[in-house]
Protein backbone atom coordinates (compact mmCIF):
# COMPACT_ATOMS: atom_id res chain seq x y z
CA PRO A 1 -33.12 2.03 14.08
CA GLU A 2 -34.84 4.92 14.42
CA VAL A 3 -38.77 4.18 15.18
CA ILE A 4 -40.86 5.43 12.59
CA ASN A 5 -44.31 6.60 13.24
CA GLY A 6 -47.07 3.83 12.69
CA ARG A 7 -48.98 6.46 9.93
CA THR A 8 -45.65 6.43 7.87
CA HIS A 9 -45.15 4.44 5.40
CA GLN A 10 -41.84 5.27 3.70
CA ALA A 11 -38.50 6.06 5.12
CA THR A 12 -34.88 7.80 3.89
CA VAL A 13 -31.67 5.35 5.46
CA VAL A 14 -28.90 7.34 5.43
CA ASP A 15 -24.90 6.82 6.32
CA LEU A 16 -24.91 3.84 3.95
CA SER A 17 -21.41 3.30 2.33
CA PRO A 18 -21.31 3.85 -1.45
CA TRP A 19 -21.13 1.32 -4.15
CA VAL A 20 -22.71 -1.68 -1.78
CA GLU A 21 -25.58 -3.71 -2.32
CA TYR A 22 -28.47 -3.50 0.32
CA GLU A 23 -31.42 -5.53 1.01
CA PHE A 24 -33.97 -4.24 3.53
CA ARG A 25 -36.66 -5.53 5.93
CA VAL A 26 -39.30 -3.68 7.98
CA VAL A 27 -40.64 -5.15 11.47
CA ALA A 28 -43.47 -3.36 12.95
CA SER A 29 -44.11 -2.95 16.82
CA ASN A 30 -46.54 -1.59 19.24
CA SER A 31 -47.21 -2.00 22.97
CA VAL A 32 -47.19 -5.60 23.13
CA GLY A 33 -43.69 -6.32 20.98
CA ILE A 34 -42.08 -6.57 17.94
CA GLY A 35 -43.81 -8.87 15.01
CA GLU A 36 -42.17 -10.84 12.39
CA PRO A 37 -39.89 -8.76 9.95
CA SER A 38 -40.84 -8.74 6.19
CA ARG A 39 -39.53 -10.53 3.30
CA PRO A 40 -36.41 -8.89 2.30
CA SER A 41 -36.16 -6.06 -0.31
CA ALA A 42 -34.43 -6.84 -3.58
CA LEU A 43 -30.95 -5.81 -3.85
CA LEU A 44 -30.32 -2.57 -4.10
CA ARG A 45 -26.93 -0.80 -4.60
CA THR A 46 -25.90 3.22 -3.35
CA LYS A 47 -24.44 5.14 -6.07
CA ALA A 48 -20.71 5.23 -6.77
CA ALA A 49 -18.40 8.04 -5.14
CA VAL A 50 -15.07 9.05 -5.32
CA PRO A 51 -12.77 6.72 -2.92
CA VAL A 52 -12.10 8.04 0.20
CA VAL A 53 -9.51 5.52 2.12
CA PRO A 54 -6.33 5.78 1.17
CA PRO A 55 -3.79 2.30 1.50
CA THR A 56 -2.09 1.64 4.60
CA ASN A 57 1.16 0.28 5.19
CA VAL A 58 2.90 2.06 2.31
CA GLY A 59 7.06 0.75 2.17
CA GLY A 60 8.96 -0.79 0.08
CA GLY A 61 12.81 -0.17 -0.67
CA GLY A 62 14.72 -3.08 -1.76
CA GLY A 63 14.88 -4.39 -5.08
CA SER A 64 17.44 -4.47 -8.42
CA ARG A 65 20.02 -1.53 -9.02
CA SER A 66 18.20 1.23 -10.35
CA GLU A 67 14.66 0.17 -9.03
CA LEU A 68 12.45 1.91 -6.65
CA VAL A 69 10.04 -0.79 -5.41
CA ILE A 70 6.78 0.74 -3.59
CA THR A 71 4.23 -1.31 -1.78
CA TRP A 72 1.26 -0.93 0.50
CA GLU A 73 -1.80 -3.04 1.56
CA PRO A 74 -4.58 -3.38 -0.88
CA VAL A 75 -8.22 -1.46 -0.30
CA SER A 76 -10.89 -3.64 0.52
CA GLU A 77 -13.39 -3.99 -2.06
CA GLU A 78 -16.44 -2.09 0.85
CA LEU A 79 -14.18 1.01 0.36
CA GLN A 80 -13.57 1.04 -3.26
CA ASN A 81 -16.43 2.82 -3.90
CA GLY A 82 -17.30 2.26 -7.47
CA GLU A 83 -16.05 0.66 -10.51
CA GLY A 84 -12.44 1.40 -12.20
CA PHE A 85 -10.84 1.34 -9.13
CA GLY A 86 -6.94 1.52 -8.99
CA TYR A 87 -3.60 3.07 -7.14
CA ILE A 88 -1.87 6.66 -7.88
CA ILE A 89 1.29 6.44 -6.80
CA MET A 90 3.61 9.70 -6.17
CA PHE A 91 7.20 9.63 -5.75
CA ARG A 92 10.11 12.27 -5.45
CA PRO A 93 14.06 12.35 -4.72
CA LEU A 94 14.24 13.69 -0.99
CA GLY A 95 14.47 17.50 -1.50
CA ALA A 96 13.04 17.63 -4.93
CA THR A 97 9.95 19.56 -5.31
CA THR A 98 8.44 17.75 -8.72
CA TRP A 99 6.38 14.65 -8.17
CA THR A 100 6.52 12.00 -10.56
CA LYS A 101 2.95 10.38 -11.01
CA ALA A 102 1.90 6.77 -11.90
CA ALA A 103 -1.40 4.70 -11.74
CA VAL A 104 -2.03 1.14 -11.42
CA ALA A 105 -5.60 -0.28 -12.36
CA SER A 106 -5.68 -3.70 -11.01
CA VAL A 107 -7.19 -3.55 -7.74
CA GLU A 108 -5.60 -6.81 -6.23
CA SER A 109 -2.37 -4.79 -6.96
CA SER A 110 -0.04 -4.07 -3.74
CA LYS A 111 3.46 -3.38 -5.58
CA TYR A 112 4.75 -0.94 -8.07
CA ILE A 113 8.11 -0.80 -9.48
CA TYR A 114 9.84 2.25 -11.21
CA ARG A 115 12.73 1.47 -13.14
CA ASN A 116 15.39 4.44 -14.34
CA GLU A 117 19.02 4.23 -14.96
CA SER A 118 19.34 7.10 -13.36
CA ILE A 119 18.82 6.05 -9.57
CA THR A 120 21.60 6.04 -7.43
CA PRO A 121 21.99 3.05 -5.10
CA LEU A 122 20.02 3.30 -1.61
CA SER A 123 18.46 7.21 -2.53
CA PRO A 124 15.70 8.26 -0.19
CA PHE A 125 12.45 9.11 -1.87
CA GLU A 126 9.45 10.37 -0.74
CA VAL A 127 6.13 8.23 -1.28
CA LYS A 128 2.64 8.17 -1.31
CA VAL A 129 -0.12 5.87 -2.48
CA GLY A 130 -3.42 6.90 -3.22
CA VAL A 131 -6.81 5.70 -5.00
CA TYR A 132 -9.22 6.72 -7.90
CA ASN A 133 -12.12 5.10 -9.73
CA ASN A 134 -14.26 6.23 -12.62
CA GLN A 135 -15.84 9.12 -9.82
CA GLY A 136 -12.28 10.79 -9.55
CA GLU A 137 -9.30 11.01 -7.39
CA GLY A 138 -9.63 10.07 -3.61
CA THR A 139 -7.32 10.83 -0.66
CA LEU A 140 -3.48 10.10 -0.66
CA SER A 141 -1.52 8.24 2.32
CA SER A 142 1.16 10.19 4.20
CA ILE A 143 4.38 10.65 2.87
CA SER A 144 6.72 7.86 3.98
CA ILE A 145 10.25 7.54 2.85
CA ILE A 146 11.56 4.69 0.98
CA TYR A 147 15.02 3.75 -0.51
CA SER A 148 15.97 2.89 -3.81
CA GLY A 149 17.64 -0.57 -4.83
CA GLU A 150 21.08 -1.05 -3.77
CA ASP A 151 24.07 -2.08 -5.94
CA GLU A 152 26.62 -4.74 -5.41
CA PRO A 153 29.61 -3.49 -3.10
CA GLN A 154 31.81 -1.29 -5.02
CA MET A 155 35.19 -2.40 -2.75
CA ALA A 156 36.75 -5.16 -1.32
CA PRO A 157 37.78 -5.83 2.09
CA ALA A 158 40.61 -4.78 3.31
CA GLY A 159 43.50 -6.46 5.35
CA ALA A 160 43.06 -10.17 4.53
CA SER A 161 45.34 -12.60 6.13
CA ALA A 162 45.74 -15.86 6.41
CA LEU A 163 46.89 -18.34 9.95
CA SER A 164 47.66 -21.83 9.74
CA VAL A 165 45.76 -23.45 12.34
CA SER A 166 46.32 -27.13 11.58
CA ALA A 167 47.47 -29.18 8.94
CA ALA A 168 43.85 -29.38 7.88
CA ALA A 169 42.47 -25.58 8.53
CA VAL A 170 43.42 -22.28 8.03
CA GLU A 171 42.04 -19.43 9.56
CA VAL A 172 41.24 -16.17 7.44
CA SER A 173 40.45 -12.81 8.65
CA TRP A 174 39.83 -9.31 6.88
CA LEU A 175 38.52 -6.05 7.87
CA PRO A 176 34.85 -5.77 7.13
CA ILE A 177 33.25 -2.88 4.61
CA PRO A 178 31.98 -0.07 6.36
CA TRP A 179 28.27 0.83 5.32
CA ASN A 180 27.65 3.44 3.74
CA ARG A 181 25.30 4.52 1.23
CA HIS A 182 27.39 3.32 -2.05
CA THR A 183 27.97 -0.05 -0.50
CA GLY A 184 24.75 -0.68 1.23
CA ARG A 185 24.12 -3.60 3.75
CA VAL A 186 27.14 -6.27 3.24
CA LEU A 187 24.87 -9.50 3.58
CA GLY A 188 27.87 -12.00 3.96
CA TYR A 189 31.34 -12.70 2.44
CA GLU A 190 33.02 -15.34 0.05
CA VAL A 191 36.47 -16.90 0.63
């Protein structure tokens, strides 16, 4: 901290975080050394301000058919800058010009699910997540690309054949379903 002239009896402390409680102590010093600190002041909270730190690790994807799942890392309490904190979620289909906007009022939230029957499986969306409090809307994250939920595979495996291997075993083979935006990732097959 800055050393203050001995004839001065007050100081302005700067670069504090908004909406945080602080307590202060004062110590006197001279050429011999530093004395004992004063007793702590009463707790004092700085004024609220618009939040400036957006959520990190914006991602998502997956979910069920006709869903867009958006996730993020929650903003820590010391960066919320005031009461009434929440998240702003903005998303649009890739290539669209109009953003859809939603608000999540829960401080601990880390997920938003948008459901709409018009969403086709594995559609890419541009997504950004921001913050707000009673003072106003703050910063938005950078844009992330997230895919809507998958649908069940719409085609059956082709070329199924069976070969007797022994009295108790049959080998079954088939051609795999190729990945495309309508089938999604095939996680397994049932025989």
